[in-house]
Amino acid sequence: MERDDIRKQTWIFDQGLIFAHGENWKAMRRFTLSTLRDYGMGRKTIEDKIIEECGVLTKTIKTYAGKPFEIQTVMTAAVSNIIVSILLGKRYDYEDATFLRLLKIISENIYLSATPNMSLYNMFPMLGFLLDSPKKLMNNRKEFHDFIQTTFIEYLKNLDENDQRSFIDSFLIRQREVIDYFICALKYK
């Protein structure tokens, strides 16, 4: 019995990076590790991205000129930008409305996941209609999913196999190669 055998089998959960398992998980893990190495993990390239983001972070902190401010938001944005630069091949401004909304959604969902209401919901899902936390968590998840889906579609439209600028580009190209391989195999079967 695999770790996911109790979960309903669907295409959305059985394909991709996050919910993969079994042989698919192993293939995704190999792809992810090699691609992350290509984008600088464990090398000077990632160090350069971190140094660049530290420069932006330092400038941002200096703009407050000793006045109190919410450091958690700025630090979260800086760390998130390093991850985003690998995944999307770009960084967001700390004041970007979309970026701030995504950070808020993630933060809210982490908080909501640990609330007593969510524990109650996990034990008794039929009570979900009475509780606000599961509804908010699901709405946040849908909004985040919509952003990811829109981003993937946008990257797919502008995909250049000869100019891979991000992890998403590499993933989409690899996905296309696998699909092409199976289509070709079906033609000659």
C-alpha atoms as a PDB file:
ATOM      1  CA  MET A   1       0.000   0.000   0.000  1.00  0.00           C
ATOM      2  CA  GLU A   2       1.475   3.332  -1.052  1.00  0.00           C
ATOM      3  CA  ARG A   3       1.129   6.435   1.080  1.00  0.00           C
ATOM      4  CA  ASP A   4      -1.711   7.739  -1.131  1.00  0.00           C
ATOM      5  CA  ASP A   5      -3.788   4.587  -1.571  1.00  0.00           C
ATOM      6  CA  ILE A   6      -6.628   5.936   0.568  1.00  0.00           C
ATOM      7  CA  ARG A   7      -6.975   9.086  -1.548  1.00  0.00           C
ATOM      8  CA  LYS A   8      -9.253   8.992  -4.567  1.00  0.00           C
ATOM      9  CA  GLN A   9      -7.255   8.435  -7.763  1.00  0.00           C
ATOM     10  CA  THR A  10      -7.613  11.369 -10.142  1.00  0.00           C
ATOM     11  CA  TRP A  11      -5.469  12.816 -12.905  1.00  0.00           C
ATOM     12  CA  ILE A  12      -5.003  16.063 -10.999  1.00  0.00           C
ATOM     13  CA  PHE A  13      -3.503  14.295  -7.976  1.00  0.00           C
ATOM     14  CA  ASP A  14      -1.544  11.636  -9.817  1.00  0.00           C
ATOM     15  CA  GLN A  15       0.350  13.853 -12.268  1.00  0.00           C
ATOM     16  CA  GLY A  16       2.663  16.797 -11.786  1.00  0.00           C
ATOM     17  CA  LEU A  17       5.146  17.832  -9.150  1.00  0.00           C
ATOM     18  CA  ILE A  18       3.290  18.201  -5.904  1.00  0.00           C
ATOM     19  CA  PHE A  19       1.007  15.177  -5.691  1.00  0.00           C
ATOM     20  CA  ALA A  20       3.050  12.646  -7.652  1.00  0.00           C
ATOM     21  CA  HIS A  21       3.707   9.231  -6.089  1.00  0.00           C
ATOM     22  CA  GLY A  22       5.237   5.883  -7.034  1.00  0.00           C
ATOM     23  CA  GLU A  23       7.186   5.786 -10.298  1.00  0.00           C
ATOM     24  CA  ASN A  24       5.799   9.175 -11.303  1.00  0.00           C
ATOM     25  CA  TRP A  25       7.153  10.647  -8.057  1.00  0.00           C
ATOM     26  CA  LYS A  26      10.599   9.151  -8.696  1.00  0.00           C
ATOM     27  CA  ALA A  27      10.696  10.571 -12.221  1.00  0.00           C
ATOM     28  CA  MET A  28       9.513  13.986 -10.995  1.00  0.00           C
ATOM     29  CA  ARG A  29      12.085  13.961  -8.201  1.00  0.00           C
ATOM     30  CA  ARG A  30      14.917  13.204 -10.654  1.00  0.00           C
ATOM     31  CA  PHE A  31      13.667  15.905 -13.024  1.00  0.00           C
ATOM     32  CA  THR A  32      13.284  18.448 -10.225  1.00  0.00           C
ATOM     33  CA  LEU A  33      16.723  17.838  -8.730  1.00  0.00           C
ATOM     34  CA  SER A  34      18.533  17.980 -12.064  1.00  0.00           C
ATOM     35  CA  THR A  35      16.583  21.064 -13.180  1.00  0.00           C
ATOM     36  CA  LEU A  36      17.175  22.876  -9.892  1.00  0.00           C
ATOM     37  CA  ARG A  37      20.894  22.150 -10.283  1.00  0.00           C
ATOM     38  CA  ASP A  38      20.680  23.615 -13.794  1.00  0.00           C
ATOM     39  CA  TYR A  39      19.163  26.773 -12.311  1.00  0.00           C
ATOM     40  CA  GLY A  40      21.914  27.151  -9.762  1.00  0.00           C
ATOM     41  CA  MET A  41      21.028  25.175  -6.637  1.00  0.00           C
ATOM     42  CA  GLY A  42      24.279  24.385  -4.873  1.00  0.00           C
ATOM     43  CA  ARG A  43      26.229  26.703  -7.178  1.00  0.00           C
ATOM     44  CA  LYS A  44      27.312  30.302  -7.450  1.00  0.00           C
ATOM     45  CA  THR A  45      24.276  31.124  -9.613  1.00  0.00           C
ATOM     46  CA  ILE A  46      21.872  30.787  -6.683  1.00  0.00           C
ATOM     47  CA  GLU A  47      24.308  32.684  -4.499  1.00  0.00           C
ATOM     48  CA  ASP A  48      24.169  35.571  -6.988  1.00  0.00           C
ATOM     49  CA  LYS A  49      20.350  35.587  -6.796  1.00  0.00           C
ATOM     50  CA  ILE A  50      20.510  35.613  -3.004  1.00  0.00           C
ATOM     51  CA  ILE A  51      23.041  38.460  -3.000  1.00  0.00           C
ATOM     52  CA  GLU A  52      20.885  40.423  -5.454  1.00  0.00           C
ATOM     53  CA  GLU A  53      17.810  39.943  -3.255  1.00  0.00           C
ATOM     54  CA  CYS A  54      19.791  40.894  -0.141  1.00  0.00           C
ATOM     55  CA  GLY A  55      20.704  44.145  -1.877  1.00  0.00           C
ATOM     56  CA  VAL A  56      17.038  44.894  -2.566  1.00  0.00           C
ATOM     57  CA  LEU A  57      16.142  43.905   1.001  1.00  0.00           C
ATOM     58  CA  THR A  58      18.825  46.200   2.439  1.00  0.00           C
ATOM     59  CA  LYS A  59      17.636  49.137   0.311  1.00  0.00           C
ATOM     60  CA  THR A  60      14.036  48.491   1.365  1.00  0.00           C
ATOM     61  CA  ILE A  61      14.938  48.413   5.054  1.00  0.00           C
ATOM     62  CA  LYS A  62      16.937  51.648   4.674  1.00  0.00           C
ATOM     63  CA  THR A  63      13.870  53.414   3.229  1.00  0.00           C
ATOM     64  CA  TYR A  64      12.202  53.126   6.636  1.00  0.00           C
ATOM     65  CA  ALA A  65      14.986  55.325   8.078  1.00  0.00           C
ATOM     66  CA  GLY A  66      14.810  53.852  11.575  1.00  0.00           C
ATOM     67  CA  LYS A  67      11.013  53.988  11.800  1.00  0.00           C
ATOM     68  CA  PRO A  68       9.193  50.839  12.951  1.00  0.00           C
ATOM     69  CA  PHE A  69       7.792  48.580  10.240  1.00  0.00           C
ATOM     70  CA  GLU A  70       6.566  45.031   9.758  1.00  0.00           C
ATOM     71  CA  ILE A  71       9.822  43.132   9.125  1.00  0.00           C
ATOM     72  CA  GLN A  72       8.060  39.777   8.635  1.00  0.00           C
ATOM     73  CA  THR A  73       6.369  40.950   5.432  1.00  0.00           C
ATOM     74  CA  VAL A  74       9.609  42.274   3.953  1.00  0.00           C
ATOM     75  CA  MET A  75      11.640  39.187   4.963  1.00  0.00           C
ATOM     76  CA  THR A  76       8.965  36.833   3.634  1.00  0.00           C
ATOM     77  CA  ALA A  77       8.933  38.747   0.352  1.00  0.00           C
ATOM     78  CA  ALA A  78      12.734  38.534   0.081  1.00  0.00           C
ATOM     79  CA  VAL A  79      12.886  34.781   0.698  1.00  0.00           C
ATOM     80  CA  SER A  80       9.891  34.182  -1.564  1.00  0.00           C
ATOM     81  CA  ASN A  81      11.504  36.194  -4.347  1.00  0.00           C
ATOM     82  CA  ILE A  82      14.531  33.892  -4.347  1.00  0.00           C
ATOM     83  CA  ILE A  83      12.219  30.905  -4.812  1.00  0.00           C
ATOM     84  CA  VAL A  84      10.095  32.755  -7.383  1.00  0.00           C
ATOM     85  CA  SER A  85      13.193  33.741  -9.372  1.00  0.00           C
ATOM     86  CA  ILE A  86      13.988  30.045  -9.848  1.00  0.00           C
ATOM     87  CA  LEU A  87      10.405  28.978 -10.550  1.00  0.00           C
ATOM     88  CA  LEU A  88       9.319  31.899 -12.735  1.00  0.00           C
ATOM     89  CA  GLY A  89      12.629  33.410 -13.846  1.00  0.00           C
ATOM     90  CA  LYS A  90      11.679  36.818 -12.444  1.00  0.00           C
ATOM     91  CA  ARG A  91      11.280  38.607  -9.152  1.00  0.00           C
ATOM     92  CA  TYR A  92       8.403  40.678  -7.801  1.00  0.00           C
ATOM     93  CA  ASP A  93       8.602  44.123  -6.277  1.00  0.00           C
ATOM     94  CA  TYR A  94       7.841  43.998  -2.545  1.00  0.00           C
ATOM     95  CA  GLU A  95       4.865  46.291  -3.115  1.00  0.00           C
ATOM     96  CA  ASP A  96       3.395  44.305  -6.039  1.00  0.00           C
ATOM     97  CA  ALA A  97      -0.297  43.705  -5.259  1.00  0.00           C
ATOM     98  CA  THR A  98      -0.388  40.193  -6.766  1.00  0.00           C
ATOM     99  CA  PHE A  99       2.768  39.142  -4.931  1.00  0.00           C
ATOM    100  CA  LEU A 100       1.485  40.505  -1.615  1.00  0.00           C
ATOM    101  CA  ARG A 101      -1.856  38.745  -2.106  1.00  0.00           C
ATOM    102  CA  LEU A 102      -0.137  35.407  -2.799  1.00  0.00           C
ATOM    103  CA  LEU A 103       2.045  35.793   0.293  1.00  0.00           C
ATOM    104  CA  LYS A 104      -1.067  36.612   2.348  1.00  0.00           C
ATOM    105  CA  ILE A 105      -2.911  33.555   1.013  1.00  0.00           C
ATOM    106  CA  ILE A 106      -0.013  31.254   1.871  1.00  0.00           C
ATOM    107  CA  SER A 107       0.367  32.767   5.332  1.00  0.00           C
ATOM    108  CA  GLU A 108      -3.386  32.537   6.008  1.00  0.00           C
ATOM    109  CA  ASN A 109      -3.531  28.916   4.905  1.00  0.00           C
ATOM    110  CA  ILE A 110      -0.604  27.947   7.119  1.00  0.00           C
ATOM    111  CA  TYR A 111      -2.341  29.630  10.044  1.00  0.00           C
ATOM    112  CA  LEU A 112      -5.774  28.165   9.224  1.00  0.00           C
ATOM    113  CA  SER A 113      -4.357  24.651   8.871  1.00  0.00           C
ATOM    114  CA  ALA A 114      -3.386  24.675  12.541  1.00  0.00           C
ATOM    115  CA  THR A 115      -6.660  26.028  13.954  1.00  0.00           C
ATOM    116  CA  PRO A 116      -8.974  23.918  16.125  1.00  0.00           C
ATOM    117  CA  ASN A 117     -11.724  24.385  13.513  1.00  0.00           C
ATOM    118  CA  MET A 118      -9.566  22.642  10.905  1.00  0.00           C
ATOM    119  CA  SER A 119      -8.818  19.789  13.306  1.00  0.00           C
ATOM    120  CA  LEU A 120     -12.546  19.433  13.889  1.00  0.00           C
ATOM    121  CA  TYR A 121     -13.187  19.545  10.140  1.00  0.00           C
ATOM    122  CA  ASN A 122     -10.500  16.905   9.490  1.00  0.00           C
ATOM    123  CA  MET A 123     -12.164  14.568  11.987  1.00  0.00           C
ATOM    124  CA  PHE A 124     -15.747  15.367  10.971  1.00  0.00           C
ATOM    125  CA  PRO A 125     -15.834  16.705   7.375  1.00  0.00           C
ATOM    126  CA  MET A 126     -19.628  16.715   7.397  1.00  0.00           C
ATOM    127  CA  LEU A 127     -19.457  19.710   9.773  1.00  0.00           C
ATOM    128  CA  GLY A 128     -17.665  21.792   7.150  1.00  0.00           C
ATOM    129  CA  PHE A 129     -20.761  23.841   6.368  1.00  0.00           C
ATOM    130  CA  LEU A 130     -20.726  25.137   9.974  1.00  0.00           C
ATOM    131  CA  LEU A 131     -17.078  26.200  10.027  1.00  0.00           C
ATOM    132  CA  ASP A 132     -15.466  29.230   8.412  1.00  0.00           C
ATOM    133  CA  SER A 133     -11.842  28.010   8.416  1.00  0.00           C
ATOM    134  CA  PRO A 134     -12.281  25.223   5.838  1.00  0.00           C
ATOM    135  CA  LYS A 135     -14.238  27.555   3.551  1.00  0.00           C
ATOM    136  CA  LYS A 136     -11.568  30.272   3.777  1.00  0.00           C
ATOM    137  CA  LEU A 137      -8.783  27.730   3.245  1.00  0.00           C
ATOM    138  CA  MET A 138     -10.520  26.290   0.171  1.00  0.00           C
ATOM    139  CA  ASN A 139     -11.197  29.762  -1.268  1.00  0.00           C
ATOM    140  CA  ASN A 140      -7.547  30.702  -0.745  1.00  0.00           C
ATOM    141  CA  ARG A 141      -6.427  27.447  -2.335  1.00  0.00           C
ATOM    142  CA  LYS A 142      -8.646  28.084  -5.351  1.00  0.00           C
ATOM    143  CA  GLU A 143      -7.302  31.627  -5.744  1.00  0.00           C
ATOM    144  CA  PHE A 144      -3.710  30.340  -5.533  1.00  0.00           C
ATOM    145  CA  HIS A 145      -4.501  27.541  -7.997  1.00  0.00           C
ATOM    146  CA  ASP A 146      -6.034  30.057 -10.414  1.00  0.00           C
ATOM    147  CA  PHE A 147      -2.854  32.151 -10.240  1.00  0.00           C
ATOM    148  CA  ILE A 148      -0.678  29.103 -10.943  1.00  0.00           C
ATOM    149  CA  GLN A 149      -2.913  27.982 -13.804  1.00  0.00           C
ATOM    150  CA  THR A 150      -2.896  31.458 -15.370  1.00  0.00           C
ATOM    151  CA  THR A 151       0.886  31.641 -14.977  1.00  0.00           C
ATOM    152  CA  PHE A 152       1.405  28.240 -16.617  1.00  0.00           C
ATOM    153  CA  ILE A 153      -0.864  29.175 -19.537  1.00  0.00           C
ATOM    154  CA  GLU A 154       1.001  32.463 -19.969  1.00  0.00           C
ATOM    155  CA  TYR A 155       4.369  30.682 -19.920  1.00  0.00           C
ATOM    156  CA  LEU A 156       3.080  28.028 -22.320  1.00  0.00           C
ATOM    157  CA  LYS A 157       2.038  30.707 -24.836  1.00  0.00           C
ATOM    158  CA  ASN A 158       5.505  32.303 -24.718  1.00  0.00           C
ATOM    159  CA  LEU A 159       7.481  29.061 -24.441  1.00  0.00           C
ATOM    160  CA  ASP A 160      10.768  29.019 -26.354  1.00  0.00           C
ATOM    161  CA  GLU A 161      12.459  25.630 -26.209  1.00  0.00           C
ATOM    162  CA  ASN A 162      15.805  27.264 -27.015  1.00  0.00           C
ATOM    163  CA  ASP A 163      15.552  29.843 -24.222  1.00  0.00           C
ATOM    164  CA  GLN A 164      14.575  28.219 -20.939  1.00  0.00           C
ATOM    165  CA  ARG A 165      14.505  30.978 -18.335  1.00  0.00           C
ATOM    166  CA  SER A 166      12.763  29.268 -15.443  1.00  0.00           C
ATOM    167  CA  PHE A 167      11.831  26.000 -13.804  1.00  0.00           C
ATOM    168  CA  ILE A 168       8.349  26.319 -15.317  1.00  0.00           C
ATOM    169  CA  ASP A 169       9.839  26.588 -18.827  1.00  0.00           C
ATOM    170  CA  SER A 170      11.883  23.439 -18.224  1.00  0.00           C
ATOM    171  CA  PHE A 171       8.883  21.601 -16.781  1.00  0.00           C
ATOM    172  CA  LEU A 172       6.627  22.533 -19.712  1.00  0.00           C
ATOM    173  CA  ILE A 173       9.267  21.497 -22.254  1.00  0.00           C
ATOM    174  CA  ARG A 174       9.847  18.174 -20.468  1.00  0.00           C
ATOM    175  CA  GLN A 175       6.089  17.609 -20.282  1.00  0.00           C
ATOM    176  CA  ARG A 176       5.794  18.297 -24.008  1.00  0.00           C
ATOM    177  CA  GLU A 177       8.652  15.846 -24.745  1.00  0.00           C
ATOM    178  CA  VAL A 178       6.949  13.093 -22.751  1.00  0.00           C
ATOM    179  CA  ILE A 179       3.599  13.702 -24.469  1.00  0.00           C
ATOM    180  CA  ASP A 180       5.271  13.746 -27.901  1.00  0.00           C
ATOM    181  CA  TYR A 181       7.063  10.492 -27.061  1.00  0.00           C
ATOM    182  CA  PHE A 182       3.827   8.744 -26.130  1.00  0.00           C
ATOM    183  CA  ILE A 183       1.959  10.099 -29.151  1.00  0.00           C
ATOM    184  CA  CYS A 184       4.780   8.906 -31.394  1.00  0.00           C
ATOM    185  CA  ALA A 185       4.781   5.492 -29.695  1.00  0.00           C
ATOM    186  CA  LEU A 186       1.022   5.170 -30.218  1.00  0.00           C
ATOM    187  CA  LYS A 187       1.345   6.014 -33.920  1.00  0.00           C
ATOM    188  CA  TYR A 188       3.833   3.222 -34.529  1.00  0.00           C
ATOM    189  CA  LYS A 189       2.122   0.613 -32.387  1.00  0.00           C
END
